[in-house]
């Protein structure tokens, strides 16, 4: 099945991992149709674009759901550690990681690929650079 069209800042890292901004209910179903087994959400549930009960929606589609609310104005090392642990807990299963615009996610994957996997800087940064250029607290966070 082809990747879904129209999901904000959709990005496929590899055969196992996809990322995006906030999917709608219909887009979440399209993600499940890809065979995704786990959803990790780094956005706040209070955001106006957040789904009313994404955990229930994901469960209804047969996916596990992990919520790690990352304050966009204050990403922390604890947030990154919780992301790392949740992501690694998915093992070799397919996983979709999202936030509102894929900014948090791309920054976290940049750090994960560079700092945990030891990927070359340019290769680790490629995903993030296609989505955005961090500034302020996010520029400091990714250093």
C-alpha atoms as a PDB file:
ATOM      1  CA  UNK A   1       0.000   0.000   0.000  1.00  0.00           C
ATOM      2  CA  UNK A   2       1.238   3.487  -0.858  1.00  0.00           C
ATOM      3  CA  UNK A   3       1.949   6.085   1.789  1.00  0.00           C
ATOM      4  CA  UNK A   4      -1.093   8.247   2.564  1.00  0.00           C
ATOM      5  CA  UNK A   5      -1.424  11.567   0.774  1.00  0.00           C
ATOM      6  CA  UNK A   6      -2.227  14.776   2.557  1.00  0.00           C
ATOM      7  CA  UNK A   7      -0.945  14.112   6.080  1.00  0.00           C
ATOM      8  CA  UNK A   8       0.905  17.239   7.133  1.00  0.00           C
ATOM      9  CA  UNK A   9       4.693  16.891   6.867  1.00  0.00           C
ATOM     10  CA  UNK A  10       4.485  13.136   6.191  1.00  0.00           C
ATOM     11  CA  UNK A  11       7.909  11.510   6.113  1.00  0.00           C
ATOM     12  CA  UNK A  12       9.032   7.900   5.851  1.00  0.00           C
ATOM     13  CA  UNK A  13      12.337   7.282   7.617  1.00  0.00           C
ATOM     14  CA  UNK A  14      12.546   3.655   6.482  1.00  0.00           C
ATOM     15  CA  UNK A  15      10.415   0.536   6.025  1.00  0.00           C
ATOM     16  CA  UNK A  16       9.579   0.492   9.737  1.00  0.00           C
ATOM     17  CA  UNK A  17       9.221   4.152  10.765  1.00  0.00           C
ATOM     18  CA  UNK A  18       6.965   6.944   9.533  1.00  0.00           C
ATOM     19  CA  UNK A  19       6.523  10.432  10.971  1.00  0.00           C
ATOM     20  CA  UNK A  20       4.155  13.346  10.486  1.00  0.00           C
ATOM     21  CA  UNK A  21       2.253  16.216  11.931  1.00  0.00           C
ATOM     22  CA  UNK A  22      -1.104  15.551  13.608  1.00  0.00           C
ATOM     23  CA  UNK A  23      -3.171  13.043  11.625  1.00  0.00           C
ATOM     24  CA  UNK A  24      -6.957  13.274  11.472  1.00  0.00           C
ATOM     25  CA  UNK A  25      -9.089  10.255  12.411  1.00  0.00           C
ATOM     26  CA  UNK A  26      -9.255   9.198   8.743  1.00  0.00           C
ATOM     27  CA  UNK A  27      -5.501   9.668   8.342  1.00  0.00           C
ATOM     28  CA  UNK A  28      -4.870   7.619  11.472  1.00  0.00           C
ATOM     29  CA  UNK A  29      -6.857   4.812   9.831  1.00  0.00           C
ATOM     30  CA  UNK A  30      -4.688   5.168   6.698  1.00  0.00           C
ATOM     31  CA  UNK A  31      -1.612   4.826   8.890  1.00  0.00           C
ATOM     32  CA  UNK A  32      -3.047   1.658  10.434  1.00  0.00           C
ATOM     33  CA  UNK A  33      -3.726   0.340   6.917  1.00  0.00           C
ATOM     34  CA  UNK A  34       0.024   0.538   6.276  1.00  0.00           C
ATOM     35  CA  UNK A  35       0.493  -2.083   8.987  1.00  0.00           C
ATOM     36  CA  UNK A  36       1.675   0.330  11.663  1.00  0.00           C
ATOM     37  CA  UNK A  37       1.515  -1.340  15.072  1.00  0.00           C
ATOM     38  CA  UNK A  38       2.474   1.556  17.367  1.00  0.00           C
ATOM     39  CA  UNK A  39       1.789   5.289  17.527  1.00  0.00           C
ATOM     40  CA  UNK A  40       3.926   7.656  19.591  1.00  0.00           C
ATOM     41  CA  UNK A  41       2.553  11.186  20.007  1.00  0.00           C
ATOM     42  CA  UNK A  42       4.876  13.979  21.196  1.00  0.00           C
ATOM     43  CA  UNK A  43       2.233  16.753  21.070  1.00  0.00           C
ATOM     44  CA  UNK A  44       0.073  18.071  23.857  1.00  0.00           C
ATOM     45  CA  UNK A  45      -3.501  16.769  24.023  1.00  0.00           C
ATOM     46  CA  UNK A  46      -4.647  20.338  24.675  1.00  0.00           C
ATOM     47  CA  UNK A  47      -3.629  21.573  21.226  1.00  0.00           C
ATOM     48  CA  UNK A  48      -6.582  22.587  19.052  1.00  0.00           C
ATOM     49  CA  UNK A  49      -5.552  20.106  16.327  1.00  0.00           C
ATOM     50  CA  UNK A  50      -5.221  17.155  18.717  1.00  0.00           C
ATOM     51  CA  UNK A  51      -7.713  14.326  18.373  1.00  0.00           C
ATOM     52  CA  UNK A  52     -10.314  14.137  21.176  1.00  0.00           C
ATOM     53  CA  UNK A  53      -9.171  10.665  22.327  1.00  0.00           C
ATOM     54  CA  UNK A  54      -6.291   9.520  20.167  1.00  0.00           C
ATOM     55  CA  UNK A  55      -5.457   6.639  22.510  1.00  0.00           C
ATOM     56  CA  UNK A  56      -8.939   5.135  21.983  1.00  0.00           C
ATOM     57  CA  UNK A  57      -8.794   5.831  18.238  1.00  0.00           C
ATOM     58  CA  UNK A  58      -5.433   4.058  17.911  1.00  0.00           C
ATOM     59  CA  UNK A  59      -6.605   1.130  20.047  1.00  0.00           C
ATOM     60  CA  UNK A  60      -9.746   0.805  17.925  1.00  0.00           C
ATOM     61  CA  UNK A  61      -7.483   0.446  14.886  1.00  0.00           C
ATOM     62  CA  UNK A  62      -5.344  -2.222  16.558  1.00  0.00           C
ATOM     63  CA  UNK A  63      -2.373   0.026  17.370  1.00  0.00           C
ATOM     64  CA  UNK A  64      -0.736   0.665  20.721  1.00  0.00           C
ATOM     65  CA  UNK A  65      -0.454   4.301  21.722  1.00  0.00           C
ATOM     66  CA  UNK A  66       2.161   6.149  23.755  1.00  0.00           C
ATOM     67  CA  UNK A  67       1.774   9.800  24.659  1.00  0.00           C
ATOM     68  CA  UNK A  68       4.854  11.829  25.598  1.00  0.00           C
ATOM     69  CA  UNK A  69       3.660  15.433  25.919  1.00  0.00           C
ATOM     70  CA  UNK A  70       6.596  17.659  24.960  1.00  0.00           C
ATOM     71  CA  UNK A  71       6.173  21.364  25.729  1.00  0.00           C
ATOM     72  CA  UNK A  72       7.202  23.067  22.483  1.00  0.00           C
ATOM     73  CA  UNK A  73       8.643  25.986  24.447  1.00  0.00           C
ATOM     74  CA  UNK A  74      10.681  23.721  26.733  1.00  0.00           C
ATOM     75  CA  UNK A  75      11.870  20.368  25.334  1.00  0.00           C
ATOM     76  CA  UNK A  76      13.870  18.513  27.985  1.00  0.00           C
ATOM     77  CA  UNK A  77      16.404  15.720  28.228  1.00  0.00           C
ATOM     78  CA  UNK A  78      13.780  13.751  30.177  1.00  0.00           C
ATOM     79  CA  UNK A  79      11.393  14.103  27.208  1.00  0.00           C
ATOM     80  CA  UNK A  80      14.102  12.767  24.905  1.00  0.00           C
ATOM     81  CA  UNK A  81      14.858   9.851  27.265  1.00  0.00           C
ATOM     82  CA  UNK A  82      11.156   8.934  27.427  1.00  0.00           C
ATOM     83  CA  UNK A  83      10.957   9.094  23.611  1.00  0.00           C
ATOM     84  CA  UNK A  84      14.051   6.911  23.274  1.00  0.00           C
ATOM     85  CA  UNK A  85      12.653   4.332  25.683  1.00  0.00           C
ATOM     86  CA  UNK A  86       9.215   4.278  24.020  1.00  0.00           C
ATOM     87  CA  UNK A  87      10.682   4.044  20.538  1.00  0.00           C
ATOM     88  CA  UNK A  88      13.102   1.278  21.496  1.00  0.00           C
ATOM     89  CA  UNK A  89      10.272  -0.633  23.197  1.00  0.00           C
ATOM     90  CA  UNK A  90       8.593  -1.031  19.798  1.00  0.00           C
ATOM     91  CA  UNK A  91      11.410  -3.398  18.814  1.00  0.00           C
ATOM     92  CA  UNK A  92      11.226  -4.256  15.137  1.00  0.00           C
ATOM     93  CA  UNK A  93       7.504  -3.479  14.803  1.00  0.00           C
ATOM     94  CA  UNK A  94       6.276  -0.677  12.570  1.00  0.00           C
ATOM     95  CA  UNK A  95       5.801   2.641  14.321  1.00  0.00           C
ATOM     96  CA  UNK A  96       4.413   6.067  13.480  1.00  0.00           C
ATOM     97  CA  UNK A  97       5.662   9.032  15.503  1.00  0.00           C
ATOM     98  CA  UNK A  98       3.906  12.387  15.275  1.00  0.00           C
ATOM     99  CA  UNK A  99       3.367  15.739  16.902  1.00  0.00           C
ATOM    100  CA  UNK A 100       1.458  18.711  15.508  1.00  0.00           C
ATOM    101  CA  UNK A 101       3.788  19.672  12.622  1.00  0.00           C
ATOM    102  CA  UNK A 102       6.544  16.996  12.794  1.00  0.00           C
ATOM    103  CA  UNK A 103       8.927  19.540  14.337  1.00  0.00           C
ATOM    104  CA  UNK A 104       9.355  17.845  17.721  1.00  0.00           C
ATOM    105  CA  UNK A 105       9.538  14.440  16.056  1.00  0.00           C
ATOM    106  CA  UNK A 106      12.151  15.390  13.469  1.00  0.00           C
ATOM    107  CA  UNK A 107      14.329  16.996  16.163  1.00  0.00           C
ATOM    108  CA  UNK A 108      14.024  13.935  18.413  1.00  0.00           C
ATOM    109  CA  UNK A 109      14.880  11.548  15.558  1.00  0.00           C
ATOM    110  CA  UNK A 110      17.832  13.730  14.596  1.00  0.00           C
ATOM    111  CA  UNK A 111      19.201  13.412  18.110  1.00  0.00           C
ATOM    112  CA  UNK A 112      18.369   9.707  18.294  1.00  0.00           C
ATOM    113  CA  UNK A 113      20.050   8.883  15.018  1.00  0.00           C
ATOM    114  CA  UNK A 114      23.129  11.022  15.782  1.00  0.00           C
ATOM    115  CA  UNK A 115      23.560  10.375  19.512  1.00  0.00           C
ATOM    116  CA  UNK A 116      22.201   6.850  19.973  1.00  0.00           C
ATOM    117  CA  UNK A 117      22.813   5.204  16.611  1.00  0.00           C
ATOM    118  CA  UNK A 118      26.023   7.116  15.854  1.00  0.00           C
ATOM    119  CA  UNK A 119      24.827   8.123  12.394  1.00  0.00           C
ATOM    120  CA  UNK A 120      26.848  10.716  10.486  1.00  0.00           C
ATOM    121  CA  UNK A 121      25.683  14.264  11.171  1.00  0.00           C
ATOM    122  CA  UNK A 122      24.443  15.001   7.639  1.00  0.00           C
ATOM    123  CA  UNK A 123      22.560  11.711   7.364  1.00  0.00           C
ATOM    124  CA  UNK A 124      20.997  12.107  10.802  1.00  0.00           C
ATOM    125  CA  UNK A 125      19.928  15.649  10.026  1.00  0.00           C
ATOM    126  CA  UNK A 126      18.391  14.976   6.584  1.00  0.00           C
ATOM    127  CA  UNK A 127      14.889  14.219   7.943  1.00  0.00           C
ATOM    128  CA  UNK A 128      14.795  17.332  10.127  1.00  0.00           C
ATOM    129  CA  UNK A 129      16.117  19.588   7.373  1.00  0.00           C
ATOM    130  CA  UNK A 130      13.259  18.526   5.068  1.00  0.00           C
ATOM    131  CA  UNK A 131      10.728  19.543   7.719  1.00  0.00           C
ATOM    132  CA  UNK A 132      12.154  22.683   9.394  1.00  0.00           C
ATOM    133  CA  UNK A 133      15.189  24.530  10.743  1.00  0.00           C
ATOM    134  CA  UNK A 134      15.115  24.675  14.547  1.00  0.00           C
ATOM    135  CA  UNK A 135      15.633  28.018  16.255  1.00  0.00           C
ATOM    136  CA  UNK A 136      15.814  29.195  19.857  1.00  0.00           C
ATOM    137  CA  UNK A 137      15.217  26.476  22.435  1.00  0.00           C
ATOM    138  CA  UNK A 138      15.045  23.836  19.695  1.00  0.00           C
ATOM    139  CA  UNK A 139      18.372  24.862  18.195  1.00  0.00           C
ATOM    140  CA  UNK A 140      19.904  24.454  21.655  1.00  0.00           C
ATOM    141  CA  UNK A 141      18.074  21.145  22.189  1.00  0.00           C
ATOM    142  CA  UNK A 142      19.441  19.546  19.021  1.00  0.00           C
ATOM    143  CA  UNK A 143      23.028  20.578  19.732  1.00  0.00           C
END
